[in-house]
N, C-alpha and C. Protein backbone atom coordinates (compact mmCIF):
# COMPACT_ATOMS: atom_id res chain seq x y z
N MET A 1 -13.42 -2.55 12.96
CA MET A 1 -12.88 -2.14 14.36
C MET A 1 -12.03 -1.22 14.16
N GLU A 2 -11.91 -0.18 14.94
CA GLU A 2 -10.93 1.00 15.00
C GLU A 2 -9.55 0.51 15.49
N GLN A 3 -8.53 0.84 14.77
CA GLN A 3 -7.22 0.35 15.21
C GLN A 3 -6.58 1.64 15.68
N THR A 4 -5.60 1.27 16.46
CA THR A 4 -4.64 2.35 17.13
C THR A 4 -3.29 1.97 16.61
N LEU A 5 -2.44 2.79 16.47
CA LEU A 5 -1.05 2.55 16.10
C LEU A 5 -0.33 1.50 16.82
N ALA A 6 -0.64 1.59 18.29
CA ALA A 6 -0.13 0.48 19.07
C ALA A 6 -0.58 -0.87 18.91
N SER A 7 -2.02 -0.98 18.70
CA SER A 7 -2.48 -2.37 18.18
C SER A 7 -2.12 -2.91 16.99
N LEU A 8 -1.99 -2.02 16.03
CA LEU A 8 -1.48 -2.42 14.52
C LEU A 8 0.05 -2.82 14.74
N SER A 9 0.87 -2.09 15.57
CA SER A 9 2.26 -2.46 15.76
C SER A 9 2.31 -3.76 16.33
N ARG A 10 1.58 -4.00 17.34
CA ARG A 10 1.45 -5.38 18.02
C ARG A 10 1.20 -6.43 16.99
N GLN A 11 0.22 -6.19 16.12
CA GLN A 11 -0.33 -7.29 15.32
C GLN A 11 0.78 -7.67 14.35
N THR A 12 1.45 -6.72 13.80
CA THR A 12 2.33 -6.96 12.77
C THR A 12 3.80 -7.24 13.12
N GLY A 13 4.21 -6.74 14.45
CA GLY A 13 5.50 -6.83 14.76
C GLY A 13 6.47 -5.70 14.28
N VAL A 14 5.71 -4.73 13.65
CA VAL A 14 6.45 -3.51 13.10
C VAL A 14 6.67 -2.46 14.20
N THR A 15 7.70 -2.15 14.58
CA THR A 15 8.09 -1.17 15.59
C THR A 15 8.17 0.26 14.98
N VAL A 16 7.20 1.07 15.58
CA VAL A 16 7.03 2.39 15.05
C VAL A 16 8.20 3.39 15.86
N LEU A 17 8.56 4.47 15.16
CA LEU A 17 9.50 5.27 15.90
C LEU A 17 8.83 5.93 17.10
N ASP A 18 9.81 6.43 18.06
CA ASP A 18 9.16 7.04 19.35
C ASP A 18 8.46 8.31 19.17
N HIS A 19 8.76 9.05 18.16
CA HIS A 19 8.08 10.45 18.00
C HIS A 19 6.63 10.22 17.66
N LEU A 20 6.12 8.98 17.17
CA LEU A 20 4.63 8.77 17.01
C LEU A 20 4.00 8.42 18.20
N GLU A 21 2.70 8.97 18.16
CA GLU A 21 1.68 8.68 19.29
C GLU A 21 0.94 7.40 18.99
N ARG A 22 1.28 6.52 19.82
CA ARG A 22 0.75 5.13 19.70
C ARG A 22 -0.65 4.88 19.97
N SER A 23 -1.14 5.71 20.84
CA SER A 23 -2.58 5.70 21.34
C SER A 23 -3.65 6.19 20.31
N MET A 24 -3.27 6.91 19.39
CA MET A 24 -4.13 7.64 18.42
C MET A 24 -4.78 6.65 17.59
N ARG A 25 -6.09 6.97 17.29
CA ARG A 25 -6.79 6.13 16.36
C ARG A 25 -6.39 6.42 14.94
N ILE A 26 -6.31 5.43 14.19
CA ILE A 26 -5.81 5.70 12.71
C ILE A 26 -6.79 6.16 11.94
N PRO A 27 -6.67 7.18 11.11
CA PRO A 27 -7.70 7.83 10.33
C PRO A 27 -7.79 6.85 8.97
N VAL A 28 -9.15 6.86 8.66
CA VAL A 28 -9.53 6.08 7.33
C VAL A 28 -9.87 6.91 6.19
N VAL A 29 -9.37 6.81 4.98
CA VAL A 29 -9.51 7.59 3.87
C VAL A 29 -10.11 6.79 2.80
N ASP A 30 -11.06 7.33 1.99
CA ASP A 30 -11.52 6.59 0.90
C ASP A 30 -11.25 7.15 -0.57
N GLY A 31 -10.07 7.79 -0.37
CA GLY A 31 -9.46 8.50 -1.84
C GLY A 31 -8.09 8.36 -1.77
N LEU A 32 -7.41 9.28 -2.64
CA LEU A 32 -5.98 9.35 -2.64
C LEU A 32 -5.17 9.55 -1.46
N GLN A 33 -4.12 8.86 -1.16
CA GLN A 33 -3.19 9.11 0.12
C GLN A 33 -1.83 8.78 -0.27
N ALA A 34 -1.05 9.54 0.57
CA ALA A 34 0.49 9.24 0.25
C ALA A 34 1.08 8.99 1.56
N GLN A 35 2.06 8.12 1.64
CA GLN A 35 2.93 7.88 2.78
C GLN A 35 4.29 7.75 2.32
N GLY A 36 5.09 8.95 2.50
CA GLY A 36 6.44 8.93 2.17
C GLY A 36 6.49 8.81 0.64
N ASP A 37 7.38 7.67 0.10
CA ASP A 37 7.49 7.52 -1.24
C ASP A 37 6.47 6.61 -1.99
N LEU A 38 5.39 6.34 -1.32
CA LEU A 38 4.33 5.49 -1.76
C LEU A 38 2.98 6.48 -1.86
N ILE A 39 2.33 6.07 -2.91
CA ILE A 39 0.98 6.78 -3.12
C ILE A 39 -0.11 5.72 -3.50
N VAL A 40 -1.31 5.81 -2.80
CA VAL A 40 -2.23 4.91 -2.92
C VAL A 40 -3.48 5.73 -3.69
N ILE A 41 -3.86 5.06 -4.69
CA ILE A 41 -4.92 5.72 -5.75
C ILE A 41 -6.07 4.76 -5.81
N PRO A 42 -7.32 5.31 -5.59
CA PRO A 42 -8.55 4.27 -6.13
C PRO A 42 -8.36 3.97 -7.53
N LEU A 43 -8.55 2.78 -7.78
CA LEU A 43 -8.46 2.15 -9.17
C LEU A 43 -9.10 3.03 -10.27
N ASP A 44 -10.42 3.38 -9.88
CA ASP A 44 -11.25 4.20 -10.66
C ASP A 44 -10.64 5.32 -11.13
N ALA A 45 -9.77 5.91 -10.46
CA ALA A 45 -9.11 7.26 -10.83
C ALA A 45 -8.02 7.24 -11.80
N VAL A 46 -7.46 6.11 -12.04
CA VAL A 46 -6.38 5.90 -13.14
C VAL A 46 -6.70 4.77 -14.06
N ALA A 47 -7.88 4.19 -14.01
CA ALA A 47 -8.30 3.21 -15.01
C ALA A 47 -8.50 4.10 -16.31
N PRO A 48 -8.26 3.60 -17.56
CA PRO A 48 -7.73 2.27 -18.02
C PRO A 48 -6.34 2.26 -18.09
N ALA A 49 -5.56 3.22 -17.52
CA ALA A 49 -4.19 3.28 -17.66
C ALA A 49 -3.50 2.14 -16.83
N VAL A 50 -4.21 1.68 -15.76
CA VAL A 50 -3.76 0.63 -14.76
C VAL A 50 -4.86 -0.56 -15.04
N ARG A 51 -4.11 -1.66 -15.07
CA ARG A 51 -4.96 -2.80 -15.47
C ARG A 51 -4.46 -4.03 -14.52
N PRO A 52 -5.13 -4.38 -13.44
CA PRO A 52 -4.63 -5.53 -12.52
C PRO A 52 -4.78 -6.79 -13.28
N ALA A 53 -4.05 -7.82 -12.84
CA ALA A 53 -4.34 -9.28 -13.39
C ALA A 53 -5.73 -9.62 -13.13
N PRO A 54 -6.24 -10.34 -14.08
CA PRO A 54 -7.60 -10.86 -13.84
C PRO A 54 -7.81 -11.70 -12.57
N ASP A 55 -8.93 -11.58 -12.18
CA ASP A 55 -9.41 -12.57 -10.83
C ASP A 55 -9.23 -13.88 -11.16
N GLU A 56 -9.76 -14.28 -12.37
CA GLU A 56 -9.72 -15.71 -12.99
C GLU A 56 -8.77 -15.82 -14.12
N PRO A 57 -7.48 -16.52 -13.83
CA PRO A 57 -6.40 -16.55 -14.77
C PRO A 57 -6.84 -17.66 -15.66
N PRO A 58 -5.99 -17.52 -16.72
CA PRO A 58 -6.28 -18.69 -17.86
C PRO A 58 -6.27 -19.97 -17.22
N PHE A 59 -6.96 -20.99 -17.88
CA PHE A 59 -6.94 -22.34 -17.38
C PHE A 59 -5.58 -22.97 -17.12
N GLY A 60 -5.43 -23.46 -15.95
CA GLY A 60 -4.18 -24.13 -15.53
C GLY A 60 -3.16 -23.13 -14.98
N CYS A 61 -3.41 -21.80 -14.94
CA CYS A 61 -2.48 -20.87 -14.39
C CYS A 61 -2.78 -20.74 -12.91
N PRO A 62 -1.85 -20.43 -11.90
CA PRO A 62 -2.16 -20.07 -10.65
C PRO A 62 -2.53 -18.61 -10.64
N SER A 63 -3.44 -18.27 -9.80
CA SER A 63 -3.91 -16.89 -9.51
C SER A 63 -2.78 -15.97 -9.01
N PRO A 64 -2.65 -14.79 -9.58
CA PRO A 64 -1.37 -14.02 -9.22
C PRO A 64 -1.90 -13.15 -7.81
N TRP A 65 -3.37 -13.27 -7.53
CA TRP A 65 -3.98 -12.72 -6.32
C TRP A 65 -3.58 -13.59 -5.10
N ARG A 66 -3.25 -12.78 -3.99
CA ARG A 66 -2.93 -13.36 -2.71
C ARG A 66 -3.78 -12.87 -1.50
N ASP A 67 -4.17 -13.45 -0.62
CA ASP A 67 -4.78 -12.95 0.63
C ASP A 67 -3.74 -12.20 1.36
N VAL A 68 -4.21 -11.08 1.99
CA VAL A 68 -3.11 -10.39 2.98
C VAL A 68 -3.31 -11.05 4.20
N PRO A 69 -2.07 -11.53 4.70
CA PRO A 69 -1.95 -12.12 6.12
C PRO A 69 -2.17 -11.06 7.15
N PRO A 70 -2.52 -11.48 8.44
CA PRO A 70 -2.71 -10.58 9.43
C PRO A 70 -1.35 -9.77 9.69
N GLU A 71 -0.04 -10.34 9.59
CA GLU A 71 1.26 -9.68 9.81
C GLU A 71 1.28 -8.72 8.66
N GLY A 72 0.64 -8.89 7.51
CA GLY A 72 0.93 -7.77 6.54
C GLY A 72 1.77 -8.34 5.27
N VAL A 73 1.80 -7.46 4.35
CA VAL A 73 2.50 -7.69 3.09
C VAL A 73 3.42 -6.45 2.97
N ALA A 74 4.76 -6.81 2.76
CA ALA A 74 5.69 -5.70 2.36
C ALA A 74 5.50 -5.12 0.95
N LEU A 75 5.02 -3.76 0.89
CA LEU A 75 4.81 -3.05 -0.36
C LEU A 75 6.03 -2.43 -1.01
N LEU A 76 6.65 -1.79 -0.07
CA LEU A 76 7.88 -1.18 -0.52
C LEU A 76 8.96 -0.86 0.48
N ARG A 77 10.09 -1.23 0.11
CA ARG A 77 11.23 -0.97 1.19
C ARG A 77 11.89 0.20 0.67
N ALA A 78 12.52 0.95 1.68
CA ALA A 78 13.29 2.14 1.44
C ALA A 78 14.34 1.94 0.62
N GLU A 79 15.01 2.95 -0.21
CA GLU A 79 16.14 2.83 -1.10
C GLU A 79 17.36 2.16 -0.47
N ALA A 80 17.59 2.44 0.73
CA ALA A 80 18.91 2.12 1.38
C ALA A 80 18.54 0.96 2.38
N GLY A 81 17.60 0.32 1.98
CA GLY A 81 17.25 -1.14 2.75
C GLY A 81 16.67 -0.71 4.15
N GLY A 82 15.98 0.53 4.25
CA GLY A 82 15.57 0.94 5.61
C GLY A 82 14.18 0.56 5.87
N ASN A 83 13.34 1.39 6.24
CA ASN A 83 11.84 1.00 6.62
C ASN A 83 10.96 0.52 5.45
N THR A 84 10.15 -0.30 5.78
CA THR A 84 9.22 -0.83 4.80
C THR A 84 7.71 -0.50 4.95
N HIS A 85 6.98 -0.11 3.85
CA HIS A 85 5.50 0.23 3.84
C HIS A 85 4.97 -1.15 3.95
N THR A 86 3.93 -1.30 4.88
CA THR A 86 3.32 -2.65 4.97
C THR A 86 1.94 -2.32 4.93
N LEU A 87 1.17 -3.40 4.00
CA LEU A 87 -0.26 -3.37 4.11
C LEU A 87 -0.77 -4.39 4.85
N VAL A 88 -1.70 -4.12 5.88
CA VAL A 88 -2.09 -4.99 6.87
C VAL A 88 -3.68 -5.03 6.74
N ALA A 89 -4.30 -6.14 7.02
CA ALA A 89 -5.72 -6.48 6.81
C ALA A 89 -6.01 -7.68 7.74
N GLU A 90 -7.29 -7.60 8.06
CA GLU A 90 -7.87 -8.87 8.93
C GLU A 90 -7.95 -9.96 7.92
N PRO A 91 -7.75 -11.22 8.39
CA PRO A 91 -7.92 -12.36 7.59
C PRO A 91 -9.26 -12.51 6.81
N GLY A 92 -9.16 -12.64 5.47
CA GLY A 92 -10.29 -12.80 4.52
C GLY A 92 -10.81 -11.38 4.11
N THR A 93 -10.12 -10.30 4.32
CA THR A 93 -10.64 -9.00 3.97
C THR A 93 -9.90 -8.21 2.88
N CYS A 94 -8.85 -8.80 2.45
CA CYS A 94 -8.07 -8.06 1.51
C CYS A 94 -7.17 -9.18 0.50
N ARG A 95 -7.19 -8.73 -0.78
CA ARG A 95 -6.31 -9.54 -1.61
C ARG A 95 -5.43 -8.52 -2.37
N TRP A 96 -4.25 -9.00 -2.60
CA TRP A 96 -3.13 -8.26 -3.22
C TRP A 96 -2.52 -8.98 -4.48
N THR A 97 -2.21 -8.14 -5.46
CA THR A 97 -1.42 -8.70 -6.55
C THR A 97 -0.35 -7.89 -6.90
N ALA A 98 0.92 -8.22 -7.22
CA ALA A 98 1.86 -7.36 -7.88
C ALA A 98 1.87 -7.46 -9.38
N THR A 99 1.01 -8.28 -9.91
CA THR A 99 0.83 -8.42 -11.54
C THR A 99 -0.19 -7.28 -11.98
N VAL A 100 0.41 -6.24 -12.44
CA VAL A 100 -0.31 -5.03 -12.91
C VAL A 100 0.28 -4.53 -14.06
N PHE A 101 -0.52 -4.03 -14.78
CA PHE A 101 -0.04 -3.24 -16.14
C PHE A 101 -0.27 -1.98 -16.10
N ASP A 102 0.60 -1.09 -15.89
CA ASP A 102 0.60 0.39 -15.77
C ASP A 102 1.37 1.16 -16.74
N ASP A 103 0.51 1.97 -17.47
CA ASP A 103 1.14 2.68 -18.56
C ASP A 103 2.25 3.62 -18.26
N THR A 104 2.26 4.08 -16.97
CA THR A 104 3.20 4.91 -16.47
C THR A 104 4.36 4.13 -15.84
N LEU A 105 4.22 3.01 -15.72
CA LEU A 105 5.31 2.01 -15.05
C LEU A 105 5.69 2.32 -13.61
N LEU A 106 4.67 3.05 -12.96
CA LEU A 106 4.91 3.28 -11.44
C LEU A 106 4.10 2.36 -10.48
N ALA A 107 3.22 1.34 -10.99
CA ALA A 107 2.55 0.68 -10.08
C ALA A 107 3.35 -0.44 -9.43
N ILE A 108 3.15 -0.67 -8.30
CA ILE A 108 3.78 -1.74 -7.50
C ILE A 108 2.75 -2.91 -7.34
N GLY A 109 1.52 -2.33 -7.40
CA GLY A 109 0.48 -3.55 -7.18
C GLY A 109 -0.86 -3.07 -7.17
N VAL A 110 -1.87 -3.90 -6.91
CA VAL A 110 -3.13 -3.52 -6.76
C VAL A 110 -3.74 -4.33 -5.53
N PHE A 111 -4.53 -3.70 -4.60
CA PHE A 111 -5.24 -4.48 -3.50
C PHE A 111 -6.76 -4.26 -3.64
N THR A 112 -7.64 -5.11 -3.31
CA THR A 112 -8.96 -4.85 -3.15
C THR A 112 -9.29 -5.27 -1.64
N ALA A 113 -10.16 -4.51 -1.15
CA ALA A 113 -10.39 -4.72 0.20
C ALA A 113 -11.95 -4.76 0.55
N THR A 114 -12.47 -5.57 1.36
CA THR A 114 -13.91 -5.54 1.78
C THR A 114 -14.22 -4.83 2.97
N GLU A 115 -13.28 -4.61 3.92
CA GLU A 115 -13.15 -3.99 5.19
C GLU A 115 -11.99 -2.99 5.01
N VAL A 116 -11.88 -2.09 6.13
CA VAL A 116 -10.89 -1.12 6.30
C VAL A 116 -9.59 -2.03 6.53
N VAL A 117 -8.44 -1.53 5.65
CA VAL A 117 -7.19 -1.97 5.63
C VAL A 117 -6.23 -0.83 6.10
N TYR A 118 -4.94 -1.18 6.47
CA TYR A 118 -4.11 -0.14 6.87
C TYR A 118 -2.76 -0.27 6.20
N LEU A 119 -2.25 0.92 6.04
CA LEU A 119 -0.78 1.11 5.59
C LEU A 119 -0.06 1.49 6.85
N LEU A 120 1.14 0.64 7.19
CA LEU A 120 1.88 1.01 8.42
C LEU A 120 3.36 1.16 7.97
N HIS A 121 4.05 2.10 8.55
CA HIS A 121 5.36 2.63 8.24
C HIS A 121 6.01 3.00 9.48
N PRO A 122 7.18 2.51 9.86
CA PRO A 122 7.87 3.02 11.21
C PRO A 122 8.03 4.44 11.46
N GLU A 123 8.34 5.11 10.41
CA GLU A 123 8.50 6.70 10.41
C GLU A 123 7.16 7.45 10.48
N HIS A 124 6.30 6.92 9.43
CA HIS A 124 5.30 7.69 9.09
C HIS A 124 3.80 7.23 9.73
N GLY A 125 3.97 6.23 10.70
CA GLY A 125 2.77 5.80 11.36
C GLY A 125 1.84 5.02 10.48
N ALA A 126 0.64 5.30 10.58
CA ALA A 126 -0.40 4.38 9.77
C ALA A 126 -1.32 5.27 9.26
N SER A 127 -2.17 4.74 8.12
CA SER A 127 -3.37 5.32 7.67
C SER A 127 -4.20 4.21 7.27
N GLY A 128 -5.59 4.33 7.26
CA GLY A 128 -6.44 3.30 6.80
C GLY A 128 -7.06 3.59 5.52
N CYS A 129 -7.37 2.62 4.69
CA CYS A 129 -7.96 2.67 3.44
C CYS A 129 -9.47 2.09 3.54
N ALA A 130 -10.39 2.83 3.15
CA ALA A 130 -11.72 2.25 3.22
C ALA A 130 -11.88 1.11 2.19
N PRO A 131 -12.99 0.40 2.39
CA PRO A 131 -13.23 -0.70 1.44
C PRO A 131 -13.21 -0.30 -0.07
N GLY A 132 -12.53 -0.90 -0.81
CA GLY A 132 -12.49 -0.65 -2.36
C GLY A 132 -11.22 -1.18 -3.05
N THR A 133 -10.87 -0.72 -4.14
CA THR A 133 -9.74 -1.41 -4.89
C THR A 133 -8.94 -0.16 -5.37
N TYR A 134 -7.60 -0.35 -4.95
CA TYR A 134 -6.59 0.72 -5.10
C TYR A 134 -5.33 0.22 -5.71
N VAL A 135 -4.75 1.18 -6.28
CA VAL A 135 -3.40 1.11 -6.90
C VAL A 135 -2.40 1.54 -6.04
N VAL A 136 -1.31 0.76 -5.89
CA VAL A 136 -0.04 1.38 -4.96
C VAL A 136 0.95 1.49 -6.01
N ARG A 137 1.37 2.98 -5.92
CA ARG A 137 2.43 3.36 -6.91
C ARG A 137 3.49 4.00 -6.23
N ARG A 138 4.80 4.05 -6.73
CA ARG A 138 6.01 4.84 -6.35
C ARG A 138 5.52 6.12 -6.74
N GLN A 139 5.98 7.12 -5.88
CA GLN A 139 5.79 8.59 -6.13
C GLN A 139 7.15 9.06 -6.98
N ARG A 140 6.86 10.04 -7.79
CA ARG A 140 7.92 10.57 -8.51
C ARG A 140 7.88 12.11 -8.45
N GLU A 141 8.95 12.68 -8.57
CA GLU A 141 9.12 14.18 -8.54
C GLU A 141 10.05 14.64 -9.69
N HIS A 142 9.82 15.92 -10.01
CA HIS A 142 10.62 16.59 -10.94
C HIS A 142 12.08 16.72 -10.36
N ASP A 143 13.15 16.46 -11.10
CA ASP A 143 14.50 16.57 -10.75
C ASP A 143 15.18 17.68 -11.66
N ARG A 144 15.27 18.93 -10.85
CA ARG A 144 15.74 20.14 -11.57
C ARG A 144 17.23 19.91 -11.99
N ARG A 145 17.83 19.36 -11.14
CA ARG A 145 19.45 19.29 -11.40
C ARG A 145 19.66 18.40 -12.69
N ARG A 146 18.97 17.30 -12.74
CA ARG A 146 19.25 16.45 -13.90
C ARG A 146 18.26 16.68 -15.05
N GLY A 147 17.09 17.21 -14.70
CA GLY A 147 15.93 17.40 -15.56
C GLY A 147 15.30 15.98 -15.66
N GLY A 148 14.10 16.14 -16.02
CA GLY A 148 13.25 14.88 -16.01
C GLY A 148 12.66 14.53 -14.65
N MET A 149 12.25 13.30 -14.60
CA MET A 149 11.74 12.77 -13.27
C MET A 149 12.64 11.82 -12.55
N ARG A 150 12.38 11.68 -11.27
CA ARG A 150 12.93 10.70 -10.38
C ARG A 150 12.03 10.11 -9.41
N PHE A 151 12.27 9.01 -8.82
CA PHE A 151 11.41 8.55 -7.72
C PHE A 151 11.62 9.27 -6.39
N VAL A 152 10.48 9.57 -5.61
CA VAL A 152 10.65 10.15 -4.43
C VAL A 152 11.55 9.27 -3.42
N ALA A 153 12.56 9.50 -2.94
CA ALA A 153 13.35 8.84 -1.93
C ALA A 153 12.80 8.99 -0.43
N ASP A 154 12.63 7.90 0.20
CA ASP A 154 11.98 8.01 1.54
C ASP A 154 13.04 7.55 2.61
């Protein structure tokens, strides 16, 4: 089902800012995409540097994978406690885990979707992710003043 920013906002209770066109259909991408300080990468593009928790945990251990509820899962909150990036999916179509091993230490988690899912942010609007498995990472940038790298601040 194609989503608009208005319908996604109603579903999640996330209010988007006034400058965004609420009636637009949300584009769906099957590759790399960024939203402010967050970047979503198909798992195949970064494996084996990124390894999500196994689907089947060791005997007696609970699974670290969780279904994404209709109201979504908060992926990343802004540095100053501001707007949150939210992963939104129809029931039974997406699972998420924050248990991930990433050689770069940038991963927030991994999600796998059997249907289109959406990334929603009050300032940036929304974008869709085609079915697949994706790594959610913080973005980083070169800091010329201090030298080295720093997280992108949203």
